[in-house]
Amino acid sequence: MARKRIGEILIEAGIIDEDHLRAALVEQRRKGGPIGRALVELKLVAEETLVAALSRQLAVPVVDLDALEVPQAVVDLVPGEWAEAHGLVPFAQPMKFLDVAMSDPNNLRVLDELRVRTNLNIRAHLAGPKAIERALGRYYGRGLGRGSVNPRRRDTLDVPRADDEMELVSPYDPTASRSVPTVGNPPSTANRARISPSSVPPYAGAVAASGPAAAPGPAAICDAPIPVHSATTSTPRSTAPCT
């Protein structure tokens, strides 16, 4: 299983060079957060370019957080402090799934931790670091600073914060057909799609990890059958494609 960092992916794609990456790493160590945010804040790459490149290389669907209205019940599934620490925003809970937006959607450690904590199937989607920051402010409070607790949510997830550049785990050949990546299982051959409020049939394709069924919530688009990493067994299974 190939392991690549965001910086390596962007260099290989010709979007940044080694000097850009070194500058971004210095900024990242000074301020914390993902390397993508450092690159965007230093104006070394446009957020739209960053998202498009990672989506293309990792075959992960893109979600437009600015165009979504996330129900409070979905927001409450992930405490604000933990969501901010990991740059993650939940945006839909169709049945037994929890769909989340991340700037590093192949971070299997965070996804698996969230699966265990929520007991839901977690499916990751890609969003830009600035879009995630705006959504964190919108749903968890603009006064929420790093290390603080959303006053509406006092329960927290005790997970270490990774201040270094996050490794992306790519369980498939990035030159293959663009499709939805899965936890520990190769993706199916389906086209990547952008999620919008007008495209919401059930079961968006992304990373999944299994838990017991939850009440139906806002749905996202469906690309293909979704391999599921079960909460009770290490053997992946697949859900049927939605219609």
C-alpha atoms as a PDB file:
ATOM      1  CA  MET A   1       0.000   0.000   0.000  1.00  0.00           C
ATOM      2  CA  ALA A   2       1.571   3.242  -1.174  1.00  0.00           C
ATOM      3  CA  ARG A   3       1.851   6.034   1.354  1.00  0.00           C
ATOM      4  CA  LYS A   4       2.126   9.606   0.119  1.00  0.00           C
ATOM      5  CA  ARG A   5       2.013  12.988   1.768  1.00  0.00           C
ATOM      6  CA  ILE A   6       0.014  15.877   0.374  1.00  0.00           C
ATOM      7  CA  GLY A   7       3.217  17.746  -0.456  1.00  0.00           C
ATOM      8  CA  GLU A   8       4.561  14.813  -2.450  1.00  0.00           C
ATOM      9  CA  ILE A   9       1.331  14.520  -4.401  1.00  0.00           C
ATOM     10  CA  LEU A  10       1.354  18.221  -5.276  1.00  0.00           C
ATOM     11  CA  ILE A  11       5.011  18.148  -6.325  1.00  0.00           C
ATOM     12  CA  GLU A  12       4.407  15.134  -8.559  1.00  0.00           C
ATOM     13  CA  ALA A  13       1.443  16.939 -10.102  1.00  0.00           C
ATOM     14  CA  GLY A  14       3.659  19.951 -10.847  1.00  0.00           C
ATOM     15  CA  ILE A  15       1.567  22.300  -8.714  1.00  0.00           C
ATOM     16  CA  ILE A  16       4.307  23.236  -6.230  1.00  0.00           C
ATOM     17  CA  ASP A  17       8.072  22.733  -6.059  1.00  0.00           C
ATOM     18  CA  GLU A  18      10.461  21.756  -3.269  1.00  0.00           C
ATOM     19  CA  ASP A  19      10.990  25.377  -2.174  1.00  0.00           C
ATOM     20  CA  HIS A  20       7.241  25.902  -1.856  1.00  0.00           C
ATOM     21  CA  LEU A  21       6.914  22.766   0.233  1.00  0.00           C
ATOM     22  CA  ARG A  22       9.758  23.771   2.557  1.00  0.00           C
ATOM     23  CA  ALA A  23       8.184  27.189   3.114  1.00  0.00           C
ATOM     24  CA  ALA A  24       4.806  25.589   3.825  1.00  0.00           C
ATOM     25  CA  LEU A  25       6.337  23.138   6.298  1.00  0.00           C
ATOM     26  CA  VAL A  26       7.901  26.033   8.228  1.00  0.00           C
ATOM     27  CA  GLU A  27       4.513  27.770   8.324  1.00  0.00           C
ATOM     28  CA  GLN A  28       2.804  24.551   9.370  1.00  0.00           C
ATOM     29  CA  ARG A  29       5.202  24.014  12.276  1.00  0.00           C
ATOM     30  CA  ARG A  30       4.683  27.624  13.375  1.00  0.00           C
ATOM     31  CA  LYS A  31       0.869  27.605  13.253  1.00  0.00           C
ATOM     32  CA  GLY A  32      -0.099  23.926  13.215  1.00  0.00           C
ATOM     33  CA  GLY A  33      -2.823  22.449  11.039  1.00  0.00           C
ATOM     34  CA  PRO A  34      -2.646  20.604   7.722  1.00  0.00           C
ATOM     35  CA  ILE A  35      -0.005  21.342   5.114  1.00  0.00           C
ATOM     36  CA  GLY A  36      -2.702  22.265   2.599  1.00  0.00           C
ATOM     37  CA  ARG A  37      -3.837  25.168   4.752  1.00  0.00           C
ATOM     38  CA  ALA A  38      -0.261  26.438   5.026  1.00  0.00           C
ATOM     39  CA  LEU A  39       0.123  26.322   1.248  1.00  0.00           C
ATOM     40  CA  VAL A  40      -3.126  28.237   0.755  1.00  0.00           C
ATOM     41  CA  GLU A  41      -2.346  30.831   3.442  1.00  0.00           C
ATOM     42  CA  LEU A  42       1.075  31.473   1.911  1.00  0.00           C
ATOM     43  CA  LYS A  43      -0.658  31.874  -1.474  1.00  0.00           C
ATOM     44  CA  LEU A  44       1.557  29.164  -2.949  1.00  0.00           C
ATOM     45  CA  VAL A  45      -1.477  27.393  -4.358  1.00  0.00           C
ATOM     46  CA  ALA A  46      -5.118  28.381  -4.823  1.00  0.00           C
ATOM     47  CA  GLU A  47      -7.568  26.393  -2.720  1.00  0.00           C
ATOM     48  CA  GLU A  48      -9.528  25.365  -5.829  1.00  0.00           C
ATOM     49  CA  THR A  49      -6.329  24.061  -7.431  1.00  0.00           C
ATOM     50  CA  LEU A  50      -5.387  22.174  -4.269  1.00  0.00           C
ATOM     51  CA  VAL A  51      -8.785  20.488  -4.003  1.00  0.00           C
ATOM     52  CA  ALA A  52      -8.952  19.616  -7.704  1.00  0.00           C
ATOM     53  CA  ALA A  53      -5.467  18.102  -7.694  1.00  0.00           C
ATOM     54  CA  LEU A  54      -6.046  15.968  -4.594  1.00  0.00           C
ATOM     55  CA  SER A  55      -9.466  14.861  -5.793  1.00  0.00           C
ATOM     56  CA  ARG A  56      -7.979  13.803  -9.114  1.00  0.00           C
ATOM     57  CA  GLN A  57      -4.999  12.002  -7.593  1.00  0.00           C
ATOM     58  CA  LEU A  58      -6.888  10.315  -4.749  1.00  0.00           C
ATOM     59  CA  ALA A  59     -10.208   9.781  -6.568  1.00  0.00           C
ATOM     60  CA  VAL A  60     -12.161  11.273  -3.668  1.00  0.00           C
ATOM     61  CA  PRO A  61     -15.478  13.118  -4.189  1.00  0.00           C
ATOM     62  CA  VAL A  62     -15.567  16.859  -3.461  1.00  0.00           C
ATOM     63  CA  VAL A  63     -18.198  18.449  -1.234  1.00  0.00           C
ATOM     64  CA  ASP A  64     -19.122  22.144  -1.367  1.00  0.00           C
ATOM     65  CA  LEU A  65     -19.609  22.977   2.315  1.00  0.00           C
ATOM     66  CA  ASP A  66     -20.598  26.569   1.557  1.00  0.00           C
ATOM     67  CA  ALA A  67     -23.621  25.312  -0.385  1.00  0.00           C
ATOM     68  CA  LEU A  68     -24.855  22.950   2.344  1.00  0.00           C
ATOM     69  CA  GLU A  69     -27.009  23.517   5.407  1.00  0.00           C
ATOM     70  CA  VAL A  70     -25.968  20.914   7.975  1.00  0.00           C
ATOM     71  CA  PRO A  71     -28.616  19.906  10.551  1.00  0.00           C
ATOM     72  CA  GLN A  72     -27.651  20.515  14.170  1.00  0.00           C
ATOM     73  CA  ALA A  73     -28.233  16.828  14.957  1.00  0.00           C
ATOM     74  CA  VAL A  74     -25.448  15.929  12.517  1.00  0.00           C
ATOM     75  CA  VAL A  75     -23.118  18.639  13.857  1.00  0.00           C
ATOM     76  CA  ASP A  76     -23.655  17.339  17.389  1.00  0.00           C
ATOM     77  CA  LEU A  77     -22.315  13.907  16.454  1.00  0.00           C
ATOM     78  CA  VAL A  78     -18.735  15.286  16.447  1.00  0.00           C
ATOM     79  CA  PRO A  79     -17.538  17.572  19.282  1.00  0.00           C
ATOM     80  CA  GLY A  80     -16.210  20.934  18.115  1.00  0.00           C
ATOM     81  CA  GLU A  81     -12.779  20.603  19.719  1.00  0.00           C
ATOM     82  CA  TRP A  82     -12.147  17.263  18.029  1.00  0.00           C
ATOM     83  CA  ALA A  83     -13.535  18.424  14.689  1.00  0.00           C
ATOM     84  CA  GLU A  84     -11.286  21.498  14.705  1.00  0.00           C
ATOM     85  CA  ALA A  85      -8.213  19.562  15.819  1.00  0.00           C
ATOM     86  CA  HIS A  86      -8.566  17.191  12.868  1.00  0.00           C
ATOM     87  CA  GLY A  87      -9.923  19.626  10.271  1.00  0.00           C
ATOM     88  CA  LEU A  88     -13.132  17.673   9.844  1.00  0.00           C
ATOM     89  CA  VAL A  89     -16.799  18.668   9.416  1.00  0.00           C
ATOM     90  CA  PRO A  90     -19.738  16.220   9.497  1.00  0.00           C
ATOM     91  CA  PHE A  91     -22.354  17.203   6.952  1.00  0.00           C
ATOM     92  CA  ALA A  92     -24.848  14.347   6.501  1.00  0.00           C
ATOM     93  CA  GLN A  93     -26.060  11.194   8.221  1.00  0.00           C
ATOM     94  CA  PRO A  94     -27.919   9.033   5.694  1.00  0.00           C
ATOM     95  CA  MET A  95     -29.139   6.028   7.656  1.00  0.00           C
ATOM     96  CA  LYS A  96     -26.148   4.223   9.220  1.00  0.00           C
ATOM     97  CA  PHE A  97     -23.528   6.451   7.559  1.00  0.00           C
ATOM     98  CA  LEU A  98     -21.837   9.650   8.660  1.00  0.00           C
ATOM     99  CA  ASP A  99     -20.468  11.735   5.777  1.00  0.00           C
ATOM    100  CA  VAL A 100     -17.613  14.054   6.691  1.00  0.00           C
ATOM    101  CA  ALA A 101     -15.597  16.690   4.840  1.00  0.00           C
ATOM    102  CA  MET A 102     -11.808  16.699   5.295  1.00  0.00           C
ATOM    103  CA  SER A 103      -8.761  18.216   3.662  1.00  0.00           C
ATOM    104  CA  ASP A 104      -6.952  14.867   4.142  1.00  0.00           C
ATOM    105  CA  PRO A 105      -9.661  12.280   3.350  1.00  0.00           C
ATOM    106  CA  ASN A 106      -7.264   9.322   3.311  1.00  0.00           C
ATOM    107  CA  ASN A 107      -6.319   9.772   6.967  1.00  0.00           C
ATOM    108  CA  LEU A 108      -7.463   6.320   8.014  1.00  0.00           C
ATOM    109  CA  ARG A 109      -6.425   6.757  11.652  1.00  0.00           C
ATOM    110  CA  VAL A 110      -8.822   9.670  12.182  1.00  0.00           C
ATOM    111  CA  LEU A 111     -11.602   7.989  10.222  1.00  0.00           C
ATOM    112  CA  ASP A 112     -11.280   4.785  12.217  1.00  0.00           C
ATOM    113  CA  GLU A 113     -11.248   6.696  15.507  1.00  0.00           C
ATOM    114  CA  LEU A 114     -14.402   8.535  14.484  1.00  0.00           C
ATOM    115  CA  ARG A 115     -16.029   5.241  13.501  1.00  0.00           C
ATOM    116  CA  VAL A 116     -15.329   3.773  16.927  1.00  0.00           C
ATOM    117  CA  ARG A 117     -16.549   6.893  18.729  1.00  0.00           C
ATOM    118  CA  THR A 118     -19.766   7.356  16.751  1.00  0.00           C
ATOM    119  CA  ASN A 119     -20.457   3.696  15.954  1.00  0.00           C
ATOM    120  CA  LEU A 120     -21.407   4.763  12.428  1.00  0.00           C
ATOM    121  CA  ASN A 121     -19.992   4.042   8.981  1.00  0.00           C
ATOM    122  CA  ILE A 122     -17.674   6.965   8.198  1.00  0.00           C
ATOM    123  CA  ARG A 123     -17.347   8.188   4.605  1.00  0.00           C
ATOM    124  CA  ALA A 124     -14.813  10.900   3.842  1.00  0.00           C
ATOM    125  CA  HIS A 125     -15.172  13.614   1.230  1.00  0.00           C
ATOM    126  CA  LEU A 126     -12.720  16.288   0.156  1.00  0.00           C
ATOM    127  CA  ALA A 127     -13.043  20.005   0.931  1.00  0.00           C
ATOM    128  CA  GLY A 128     -10.540  22.847   0.934  1.00  0.00           C
ATOM    129  CA  PRO A 129      -8.900  23.958   4.212  1.00  0.00           C
ATOM    130  CA  LYS A 130     -10.480  27.428   4.088  1.00  0.00           C
ATOM    131  CA  ALA A 131     -13.914  25.969   3.354  1.00  0.00           C
ATOM    132  CA  ILE A 132     -13.516  23.667   6.351  1.00  0.00           C
ATOM    133  CA  GLU A 133     -12.489  26.601   8.558  1.00  0.00           C
ATOM    134  CA  ARG A 134     -15.581  28.531   7.477  1.00  0.00           C
ATOM    135  CA  ALA A 135     -17.794  25.542   8.220  1.00  0.00           C
ATOM    136  CA  LEU A 136     -16.179  25.008  11.634  1.00  0.00           C
ATOM    137  CA  GLY A 137     -16.879  28.633  12.481  1.00  0.00           C
ATOM    138  CA  ARG A 138     -20.416  28.429  11.176  1.00  0.00           C
ATOM    139  CA  TYR A 139     -21.458  25.252  12.963  1.00  0.00           C
ATOM    140  CA  TYR A 140     -19.265  25.233  16.062  1.00  0.00           C
ATOM    141  CA  GLY A 141     -19.041  28.955  16.781  1.00  0.00           C
ATOM    142  CA  ARG A 142     -16.708  31.610  15.382  1.00  0.00           C
ATOM    143  CA  GLY A 143     -15.126  32.071  18.807  1.00  0.00           C
ATOM    144  CA  LEU A 144     -13.986  28.451  18.859  1.00  0.00           C
ATOM    145  CA  GLY A 145     -10.196  28.553  19.061  1.00  0.00           C
ATOM    146  CA  ARG A 146      -7.697  25.719  18.943  1.00  0.00           C
ATOM    147  CA  GLY A 147      -7.910  23.807  22.197  1.00  0.00           C
ATOM    148  CA  SER A 148     -11.228  25.379  23.260  1.00  0.00           C
ATOM    149  CA  VAL A 149     -14.545  23.574  23.638  1.00  0.00           C
ATOM    150  CA  ASN A 150     -17.730  24.480  21.806  1.00  0.00           C
ATOM    151  CA  PRO A 151     -20.082  25.731  24.564  1.00  0.00           C
ATOM    152  CA  ARG A 152     -22.903  23.738  22.995  1.00  0.00           C
ATOM    153  CA  ARG A 153     -20.870  20.533  23.240  1.00  0.00           C
ATOM    154  CA  ARG A 154     -19.014  19.595  26.434  1.00  0.00           C
ATOM    155  CA  ASP A 155     -18.205  16.033  25.450  1.00  0.00           C
ATOM    156  CA  THR A 156     -14.867  15.597  23.709  1.00  0.00           C
ATOM    157  CA  LEU A 157     -12.963  12.890  21.919  1.00  0.00           C
ATOM    158  CA  ASP A 158      -9.572  12.324  23.479  1.00  0.00           C
ATOM    159  CA  VAL A 159      -7.469  11.857  20.350  1.00  0.00           C
ATOM    160  CA  PRO A 160      -3.905  13.187  19.938  1.00  0.00           C
ATOM    161  CA  ARG A 161      -3.543  16.067  17.481  1.00  0.00           C
ATOM    162  CA  ALA A 162      -1.156  15.477  14.590  1.00  0.00           C
ATOM    163  CA  ASP A 163       0.800  18.696  14.080  1.00  0.00           C
ATOM    164  CA  ASP A 164       3.036  17.251  11.388  1.00  0.00           C
ATOM    165  CA  GLU A 165       2.070  16.904   7.778  1.00  0.00           C
ATOM    166  CA  MET A 166      -0.517  14.151   7.482  1.00  0.00           C
ATOM    167  CA  GLU A 167       0.305  11.060   5.466  1.00  0.00           C
ATOM    168  CA  LEU A 168      -2.248  10.112   2.832  1.00  0.00           C
ATOM    169  CA  VAL A 169      -2.828   6.402   2.426  1.00  0.00           C
ATOM    170  CA  SER A 170      -3.596   5.455  -1.150  1.00  0.00           C
ATOM    171  CA  PRO A 171      -4.763   1.806  -1.342  1.00  0.00           C
ATOM    172  CA  TYR A 172      -4.877   1.808  -5.101  1.00  0.00           C
ATOM    173  CA  ASP A 173      -3.059   2.914  -8.228  1.00  0.00           C
ATOM    174  CA  PRO A 174      -3.635   6.704  -8.560  1.00  0.00           C
ATOM    175  CA  THR A 175      -3.416   6.355 -12.357  1.00  0.00           C
ATOM    176  CA  ALA A 176      -6.423   4.054 -12.400  1.00  0.00           C
ATOM    177  CA  SER A 177      -9.999   5.113 -13.130  1.00  0.00           C
ATOM    178  CA  ARG A 178     -11.185   7.898 -10.819  1.00  0.00           C
ATOM    179  CA  SER A 179     -13.410   6.369  -8.163  1.00  0.00           C
ATOM    180  CA  VAL A 180     -14.207   6.401  -4.474  1.00  0.00           C
ATOM    181  CA  PRO A 181     -11.418   5.181  -2.137  1.00  0.00           C
ATOM    182  CA  THR A 182     -12.196   2.866   0.740  1.00  0.00           C
ATOM    183  CA  VAL A 183     -10.678   1.816   4.023  1.00  0.00           C
ATOM    184  CA  GLY A 184      -8.348  -1.094   3.279  1.00  0.00           C
ATOM    185  CA  ASN A 185     -10.041  -2.021  -0.004  1.00  0.00           C
ATOM    186  CA  PRO A 186      -9.560  -0.945  -3.657  1.00  0.00           C
ATOM    187  CA  PRO A 187     -12.209   1.406  -5.070  1.00  0.00           C
ATOM    188  CA  SER A 188     -14.816   0.521  -7.654  1.00  0.00           C
ATOM    189  CA  THR A 189     -14.724   2.139 -11.079  1.00  0.00           C
ATOM    190  CA  ALA A 190     -17.106   5.072 -10.768  1.00  0.00           C
ATOM    191  CA  ASN A 191     -16.700   8.698 -11.696  1.00  0.00           C
ATOM    192  CA  ARG A 192     -16.022  11.279  -9.012  1.00  0.00           C
ATOM    193  CA  ALA A 193     -18.861  13.728  -8.446  1.00  0.00           C
ATOM    194  CA  ARG A 194     -19.377  17.017  -6.652  1.00  0.00           C
ATOM    195  CA  ILE A 195     -21.981  17.087  -3.916  1.00  0.00           C
ATOM    196  CA  SER A 196     -24.526  19.888  -3.945  1.00  0.00           C
ATOM    197  CA  PRO A 197     -27.804  20.484  -2.077  1.00  0.00           C
ATOM    198  CA  SER A 198     -29.718  19.636  -5.264  1.00  0.00           C
ATOM    199  CA  SER A 199     -28.062  16.214  -5.653  1.00  0.00           C
ATOM    200  CA  VAL A 200     -28.989  14.213  -2.604  1.00  0.00           C
ATOM    201  CA  PRO A 201     -30.062  10.628  -3.255  1.00  0.00           C
ATOM    202  CA  PRO A 202     -28.881   8.292  -0.443  1.00  0.00           C
ATOM    203  CA  TYR A 203     -25.375   6.961   0.060  1.00  0.00           C
ATOM    204  CA  ALA A 204     -22.519   9.163  -1.103  1.00  0.00           C
ATOM    205  CA  GLY A 205     -19.401   7.261  -2.026  1.00  0.00           C
ATOM    206  CA  ALA A 206     -16.333   7.670   0.178  1.00  0.00           C
ATOM    207  CA  VAL A 207     -14.477   5.940   3.006  1.00  0.00           C
ATOM    208  CA  ALA A 208     -16.707   3.735   5.132  1.00  0.00           C
ATOM    209  CA  ALA A 209     -16.462   1.937   8.470  1.00  0.00           C
ATOM    210  CA  SER A 210     -19.380   0.047   9.893  1.00  0.00           C
ATOM    211  CA  GLY A 211     -21.533   0.531  13.007  1.00  0.00           C
ATOM    212  CA  PRO A 212     -25.207  -0.065  13.912  1.00  0.00           C
ATOM    213  CA  ALA A 213     -27.956   1.658  11.978  1.00  0.00           C
ATOM    214  CA  ALA A 214     -28.876   5.244  12.870  1.00  0.00           C
ATOM    215  CA  ALA A 215     -31.961   7.276  12.013  1.00  0.00           C
ATOM    216  CA  PRO A 216     -32.068   8.572   8.422  1.00  0.00           C
ATOM    217  CA  GLY A 217     -30.634  12.035   7.907  1.00  0.00           C
ATOM    218  CA  PRO A 218     -29.680  14.301   5.003  1.00  0.00           C
ATOM    219  CA  ALA A 219     -28.315  12.224   2.155  1.00  0.00           C
ATOM    220  CA  ALA A 220     -25.537  12.854  -0.330  1.00  0.00           C
ATOM    221  CA  ILE A 221     -24.985  11.650  -3.860  1.00  0.00           C
ATOM    222  CA  CYS A 222     -24.122   8.071  -4.742  1.00  0.00           C
ATOM    223  CA  ASP A 223     -21.385   7.098  -7.171  1.00  0.00           C
ATOM    224  CA  ALA A 224     -20.978   3.336  -6.782  1.00  0.00           C
ATOM    225  CA  PRO A 225     -21.211   0.341  -4.415  1.00  0.00           C
ATOM    226  CA  ILE A 226     -19.396   1.230  -1.190  1.00  0.00           C
ATOM    227  CA  PRO A 227     -16.981  -1.267   0.376  1.00  0.00           C
ATOM    228  CA  VAL A 228     -17.494  -1.129   4.147  1.00  0.00           C
ATOM    229  CA  HIS A 229     -14.922  -1.785   6.856  1.00  0.00           C
ATOM    230  CA  SER A 230     -16.990  -3.443   9.568  1.00  0.00           C
ATOM    231  CA  ALA A 231     -16.841  -2.319  13.188  1.00  0.00           C
ATOM    232  CA  THR A 232     -17.031  -5.938  14.310  1.00  0.00           C
ATOM    233  CA  THR A 233     -14.802  -7.663  11.764  1.00  0.00           C
ATOM    234  CA  SER A 234     -11.723  -6.734   9.802  1.00  0.00           C
ATOM    235  CA  THR A 235     -13.145  -8.237   6.585  1.00  0.00           C
ATOM    236  CA  PRO A 236     -14.421  -5.500   4.253  1.00  0.00           C
ATOM    237  CA  ARG A 237     -17.872  -5.880   2.749  1.00  0.00           C
ATOM    238  CA  SER A 238     -19.769  -3.873   0.123  1.00  0.00           C
ATOM    239  CA  THR A 239     -23.119  -2.171   0.238  1.00  0.00           C
ATOM    240  CA  ALA A 240     -25.351  -2.309  -2.801  1.00  0.00           C
ATOM    241  CA  PRO A 241     -25.358   0.742  -5.107  1.00  0.00           C
ATOM    242  CA  CYS A 242     -28.183   3.173  -4.575  1.00  0.00           C
ATOM    243  CA  THR A 243     -30.605   4.102  -7.293  1.00  0.00           C
END
